[in-house]
Amino acid sequence: MALQLFKIADLLVESPASSVTFSSIPQGYTDLILFVSFRSSTEDIANNTWLTFNGVGGTAYTSRTIYTSNGTSAVSGGEVGTARSSQLFTSSSTSPAKTFGNMLIHVPNYSSSKIKSWSADWACENTAASCHLGLVAGQFDSTAAITSINLQPYCCAWLANSTATLYGIL
């Protein structure tokens, strides 16, 4: 049987927003895929994105990241027992005009009664001559089904025309 993607929801940021949330996620799929195209208002080279599930904070998130800036060298890092996952970068206001950072987040078995794993890859241009690229593997220490996903910029706001689309996989 071939895998099929079913669109659950589209999100368009119409004016600067401090976060975006997909809520009331239906439980009839095996996995979730979230495609994101964001740009933030920070003037830093790139902006970190905070990811939370079901509004849970505390110490529920663990992740490991590897990324490169400008293809010069790989950097890795990790987080254990944090209140949200990070190390997911998006483009900033100093990126070339109309350039958005892209991200794909995959959450397998999101409705299971087990601890959830997730992964992401992302890319964002910083200037006309530089780019950040990264991969993240994470864990959400909750046995509850995932019913909401929130994405928040480390600082500032998501700019207008940022988009995200959530899919379910069967």
C-alpha atoms as a PDB file:
ATOM      1  CA  MET A   1       0.000   0.000   0.000  1.00  0.00           C
ATOM      2  CA  ALA A   2       1.351   3.422  -0.971  1.00  0.00           C
ATOM      3  CA  LEU A   3       1.649   6.158   1.610  1.00  0.00           C
ATOM      4  CA  GLN A   4      -0.793   9.017   1.185  1.00  0.00           C
ATOM      5  CA  LEU A   5      -0.626  12.602   2.445  1.00  0.00           C
ATOM      6  CA  PHE A   6      -3.828  14.282   3.569  1.00  0.00           C
ATOM      7  CA  LYS A   7      -3.870  18.016   4.199  1.00  0.00           C
ATOM      8  CA  ILE A   8      -5.090  18.721   7.730  1.00  0.00           C
ATOM      9  CA  ALA A   9      -4.603  22.507   7.883  1.00  0.00           C
ATOM     10  CA  ASP A  10      -2.943  25.500   6.207  1.00  0.00           C
ATOM     11  CA  LEU A  11      -1.701  28.499   8.103  1.00  0.00           C
ATOM     12  CA  LEU A  12      -0.830  31.912   6.650  1.00  0.00           C
ATOM     13  CA  VAL A  13       0.648  34.662   8.824  1.00  0.00           C
ATOM     14  CA  GLU A  14      -1.144  37.806   7.646  1.00  0.00           C
ATOM     15  CA  SER A  15       0.530  40.224  10.067  1.00  0.00           C
ATOM     16  CA  PRO A  16       3.499  39.734  12.433  1.00  0.00           C
ATOM     17  CA  ALA A  17       2.726  36.953  14.928  1.00  0.00           C
ATOM     18  CA  SER A  18       4.522  35.908  18.119  1.00  0.00           C
ATOM     19  CA  SER A  19       3.698  32.229  17.502  1.00  0.00           C
ATOM     20  CA  VAL A  20       1.566  29.888  15.416  1.00  0.00           C
ATOM     21  CA  THR A  21      -0.365  26.853  16.605  1.00  0.00           C
ATOM     22  CA  PHE A  22      -2.031  23.911  14.934  1.00  0.00           C
ATOM     23  CA  SER A  23      -4.666  22.685  17.396  1.00  0.00           C
ATOM     24  CA  SER A  24      -7.329  19.977  17.475  1.00  0.00           C
ATOM     25  CA  ILE A  25      -5.134  17.702  15.350  1.00  0.00           C
ATOM     26  CA  PRO A  26      -7.226  14.674  14.330  1.00  0.00           C
ATOM     27  CA  GLN A  27      -5.982  11.265  15.480  1.00  0.00           C
ATOM     28  CA  GLY A  28      -6.800   9.127  12.430  1.00  0.00           C
ATOM     29  CA  TYR A  29      -3.362   9.135  10.789  1.00  0.00           C
ATOM     30  CA  THR A  30      -0.129   7.235  11.441  1.00  0.00           C
ATOM     31  CA  ASP A  31       2.301  10.186  11.177  1.00  0.00           C
ATOM     32  CA  LEU A  32       2.325  13.970  10.878  1.00  0.00           C
ATOM     33  CA  ILE A  33       4.352  16.036   8.416  1.00  0.00           C
ATOM     34  CA  LEU A  34       4.632  19.801   8.858  1.00  0.00           C
ATOM     35  CA  PHE A  35       6.020  21.947   6.025  1.00  0.00           C
ATOM     36  CA  VAL A  36       7.079  25.417   7.181  1.00  0.00           C
ATOM     37  CA  SER A  37       8.224  28.505   5.276  1.00  0.00           C
ATOM     38  CA  PHE A  38       8.945  31.247   7.833  1.00  0.00           C
ATOM     39  CA  ARG A  39      10.765  34.565   8.047  1.00  0.00           C
ATOM     40  CA  SER A  40      11.245  36.404  11.347  1.00  0.00           C
ATOM     41  CA  SER A  41      11.622  40.065  12.213  1.00  0.00           C
ATOM     42  CA  THR A  42      14.957  39.669  14.019  1.00  0.00           C
ATOM     43  CA  GLU A  43      18.062  41.277  12.518  1.00  0.00           C
ATOM     44  CA  ASP A  44      20.249  38.349  13.606  1.00  0.00           C
ATOM     45  CA  ILE A  45      21.710  36.124  10.896  1.00  0.00           C
ATOM     46  CA  ALA A  46      18.978  33.506  11.472  1.00  0.00           C
ATOM     47  CA  ASN A  47      16.279  32.950  14.070  1.00  0.00           C
ATOM     48  CA  ASN A  48      15.886  29.912  16.282  1.00  0.00           C
ATOM     49  CA  THR A  49      12.437  28.320  16.365  1.00  0.00           C
ATOM     50  CA  TRP A  50      10.944  26.837  19.522  1.00  0.00           C
ATOM     51  CA  LEU A  51       8.760  23.756  19.019  1.00  0.00           C
ATOM     52  CA  THR A  52       6.259  22.491  21.594  1.00  0.00           C
ATOM     53  CA  PHE A  53       3.607  19.795  21.504  1.00  0.00           C
ATOM     54  CA  ASN A  54       0.289  19.949  23.407  1.00  0.00           C
ATOM     55  CA  GLY A  55       1.435  23.092  25.254  1.00  0.00           C
ATOM     56  CA  VAL A  56       3.710  20.920  27.415  1.00  0.00           C
ATOM     57  CA  GLY A  57       6.804  22.559  28.907  1.00  0.00           C
ATOM     58  CA  GLY A  58       8.796  21.397  31.902  1.00  0.00           C
ATOM     59  CA  THR A  59      11.549  18.958  30.941  1.00  0.00           C
ATOM     60  CA  ALA A  60       9.745  17.048  28.179  1.00  0.00           C
ATOM     61  CA  TYR A  61      12.117  17.658  25.240  1.00  0.00           C
ATOM     62  CA  THR A  62      15.432  16.142  24.192  1.00  0.00           C
ATOM     63  CA  SER A  63      17.113  16.681  20.831  1.00  0.00           C
ATOM     64  CA  ARG A  64      20.352  16.412  18.903  1.00  0.00           C
ATOM     65  CA  THR A  65      21.261  18.771  16.051  1.00  0.00           C
ATOM     66  CA  ILE A  66      23.881  18.928  13.351  1.00  0.00           C
ATOM     67  CA  TYR A  67      24.116  21.978  11.122  1.00  0.00           C
ATOM     68  CA  THR A  68      26.430  23.973   8.927  1.00  0.00           C
ATOM     69  CA  SER A  69      26.694  27.654   8.175  1.00  0.00           C
ATOM     70  CA  ASN A  70      27.944  28.498   4.717  1.00  0.00           C
ATOM     71  CA  GLY A  71      29.090  24.919   4.217  1.00  0.00           C
ATOM     72  CA  THR A  72      32.306  25.719   6.094  1.00  0.00           C
ATOM     73  CA  SER A  73      32.081  23.241   8.954  1.00  0.00           C
ATOM     74  CA  ALA A  74      29.537  21.105  10.739  1.00  0.00           C
ATOM     75  CA  VAL A  75      28.465  21.974  14.267  1.00  0.00           C
ATOM     76  CA  SER A  76      26.521  19.672  16.556  1.00  0.00           C
ATOM     77  CA  GLY A  77      24.720  20.229  19.796  1.00  0.00           C
ATOM     78  CA  GLY A  78      22.055  18.766  21.985  1.00  0.00           C
ATOM     79  CA  GLU A  79      19.442  19.542  24.564  1.00  0.00           C
ATOM     80  CA  VAL A  80      18.254  17.244  27.328  1.00  0.00           C
ATOM     81  CA  GLY A  81      15.193  17.839  29.498  1.00  0.00           C
ATOM     82  CA  THR A  82      14.240  21.272  28.155  1.00  0.00           C
ATOM     83  CA  ALA A  83      10.910  23.101  28.184  1.00  0.00           C
ATOM     84  CA  ARG A  84      10.761  23.127  24.352  1.00  0.00           C
ATOM     85  CA  SER A  85      12.832  21.976  21.405  1.00  0.00           C
ATOM     86  CA  SER A  86      14.977  24.442  19.533  1.00  0.00           C
ATOM     87  CA  GLN A  87      17.830  24.431  17.031  1.00  0.00           C
ATOM     88  CA  LEU A  88      15.358  24.792  14.161  1.00  0.00           C
ATOM     89  CA  PHE A  89      16.407  27.924  12.267  1.00  0.00           C
ATOM     90  CA  THR A  90      14.496  30.195   9.906  1.00  0.00           C
ATOM     91  CA  SER A  91      15.413  33.219   7.808  1.00  0.00           C
ATOM     92  CA  SER A  92      15.523  36.664   9.369  1.00  0.00           C
ATOM     93  CA  SER A  93      14.705  40.186   8.230  1.00  0.00           C
ATOM     94  CA  THR A  94      18.320  40.589   7.054  1.00  0.00           C
ATOM     95  CA  SER A  95      17.973  37.685   4.603  1.00  0.00           C
ATOM     96  CA  PRO A  96      17.582  38.586   0.930  1.00  0.00           C
ATOM     97  CA  ALA A  97      14.219  40.173   0.159  1.00  0.00           C
ATOM     98  CA  LYS A  98      11.268  37.771   0.053  1.00  0.00           C
ATOM     99  CA  THR A  99      13.441  34.856   1.233  1.00  0.00           C
ATOM    100  CA  PHE A 100      11.878  32.461   3.736  1.00  0.00           C
ATOM    101  CA  GLY A 101      13.529  29.647   5.696  1.00  0.00           C
ATOM    102  CA  ASN A 102      12.123  26.214   4.963  1.00  0.00           C
ATOM    103  CA  MET A 103      11.595  23.366   7.388  1.00  0.00           C
ATOM    104  CA  LEU A 104      10.056  19.900   7.320  1.00  0.00           C
ATOM    105  CA  ILE A 105       9.078  18.296  10.639  1.00  0.00           C
ATOM    106  CA  HIS A 106       8.099  14.608  10.787  1.00  0.00           C
ATOM    107  CA  VAL A 107       6.325  13.105  13.812  1.00  0.00           C
ATOM    108  CA  PRO A 108       5.806   9.348  13.452  1.00  0.00           C
ATOM    109  CA  ASN A 109       3.252   7.505  15.609  1.00  0.00           C
ATOM    110  CA  TYR A 110       1.953  10.802  16.997  1.00  0.00           C
ATOM    111  CA  SER A 111      -1.180   9.241  18.456  1.00  0.00           C
ATOM    112  CA  SER A 112       0.493   6.267  20.152  1.00  0.00           C
ATOM    113  CA  SER A 113       0.629   5.823  23.921  1.00  0.00           C
ATOM    114  CA  LYS A 114       4.451   5.747  23.780  1.00  0.00           C
ATOM    115  CA  ILE A 115       7.052   8.520  24.073  1.00  0.00           C
ATOM    116  CA  LYS A 116       7.182  10.372  20.727  1.00  0.00           C
ATOM    117  CA  SER A 117      10.167  10.787  18.421  1.00  0.00           C
ATOM    118  CA  TRP A 118      10.365  13.493  15.780  1.00  0.00           C
ATOM    119  CA  SER A 119      12.856  14.750  13.206  1.00  0.00           C
ATOM    120  CA  ALA A 120      13.348  17.866  11.133  1.00  0.00           C
ATOM    121  CA  ASP A 121      15.478  19.304   8.395  1.00  0.00           C
ATOM    122  CA  TRP A 122      15.759  22.990   7.650  1.00  0.00           C
ATOM    123  CA  ALA A 123      17.514  25.508   5.410  1.00  0.00           C
ATOM    124  CA  CYS A 124      17.621  29.279   5.511  1.00  0.00           C
ATOM    125  CA  GLU A 125      19.513  31.915   3.567  1.00  0.00           C
ATOM    126  CA  ASN A 126      21.210  34.559   5.670  1.00  0.00           C
ATOM    127  CA  THR A 127      22.678  36.768   2.968  1.00  0.00           C
ATOM    128  CA  ALA A 128      23.142  36.476  -0.754  1.00  0.00           C
ATOM    129  CA  ALA A 129      26.265  34.386  -0.056  1.00  0.00           C
ATOM    130  CA  SER A 130      25.437  32.331   3.040  1.00  0.00           C
ATOM    131  CA  CYS A 131      23.011  29.685   4.191  1.00  0.00           C
ATOM    132  CA  HIS A 132      22.347  27.574   7.306  1.00  0.00           C
ATOM    133  CA  LEU A 133      21.399  23.906   6.815  1.00  0.00           C
ATOM    134  CA  GLY A 134      20.505  21.479   9.581  1.00  0.00           C
ATOM    135  CA  LEU A 135      19.086  18.181  10.766  1.00  0.00           C
ATOM    136  CA  VAL A 136      17.464  17.554  14.150  1.00  0.00           C
ATOM    137  CA  ALA A 137      16.334  14.349  15.861  1.00  0.00           C
ATOM    138  CA  GLY A 138      14.170  14.791  18.938  1.00  0.00           C
ATOM    139  CA  GLN A 139      12.082  13.136  21.581  1.00  0.00           C
ATOM    140  CA  PHE A 140       8.921  14.344  23.313  1.00  0.00           C
ATOM    141  CA  ASP A 141       8.653  12.629  26.692  1.00  0.00           C
ATOM    142  CA  SER A 142       4.905  12.234  26.787  1.00  0.00           C
ATOM    143  CA  THR A 143       2.653   9.241  26.234  1.00  0.00           C
ATOM    144  CA  ALA A 144      -0.316  11.470  25.356  1.00  0.00           C
ATOM    145  CA  ALA A 145      -1.386  11.720  21.722  1.00  0.00           C
ATOM    146  CA  ILE A 146      -0.190  14.918  20.048  1.00  0.00           C
ATOM    147  CA  THR A 147      -3.161  17.209  19.551  1.00  0.00           C
ATOM    148  CA  SER A 148      -1.382  20.549  19.025  1.00  0.00           C
ATOM    149  CA  ILE A 149       1.896  21.875  17.637  1.00  0.00           C
ATOM    150  CA  ASN A 150       3.223  25.354  18.414  1.00  0.00           C
ATOM    151  CA  LEU A 151       6.084  27.146  16.659  1.00  0.00           C
ATOM    152  CA  GLN A 152       7.463  30.294  18.249  1.00  0.00           C
ATOM    153  CA  PRO A 153      10.426  32.445  17.185  1.00  0.00           C
ATOM    154  CA  TYR A 154      13.202  32.805  19.770  1.00  0.00           C
ATOM    155  CA  CYS A 155      12.654  36.531  19.598  1.00  0.00           C
ATOM    156  CA  CYS A 156      10.575  38.979  17.648  1.00  0.00           C
ATOM    157  CA  ALA A 157       7.763  37.728  15.390  1.00  0.00           C
ATOM    158  CA  TRP A 158       6.957  35.668  12.326  1.00  0.00           C
ATOM    159  CA  LEU A 159       6.574  38.072   9.424  1.00  0.00           C
ATOM    160  CA  ALA A 160       3.587  38.321   7.097  1.00  0.00           C
ATOM    161  CA  ASN A 161       3.391  35.694   4.337  1.00  0.00           C
ATOM    162  CA  SER A 162       5.064  33.044   6.475  1.00  0.00           C
ATOM    163  CA  THR A 163       3.212  29.772   5.883  1.00  0.00           C
ATOM    164  CA  ALA A 164       2.866  26.295   7.354  1.00  0.00           C
ATOM    165  CA  THR A 165       0.907  23.257   6.177  1.00  0.00           C
ATOM    166  CA  LEU A 166       0.165  20.213   8.311  1.00  0.00           C
ATOM    167  CA  TYR A 167      -0.411  16.791   6.713  1.00  0.00           C
ATOM    168  CA  GLY A 168      -1.448  13.432   8.042  1.00  0.00           C
ATOM    169  CA  ILE A 169       0.043  10.254   6.589  1.00  0.00           C
ATOM    170  CA  LEU A 170      -1.871   7.023   6.043  1.00  0.00           C
END
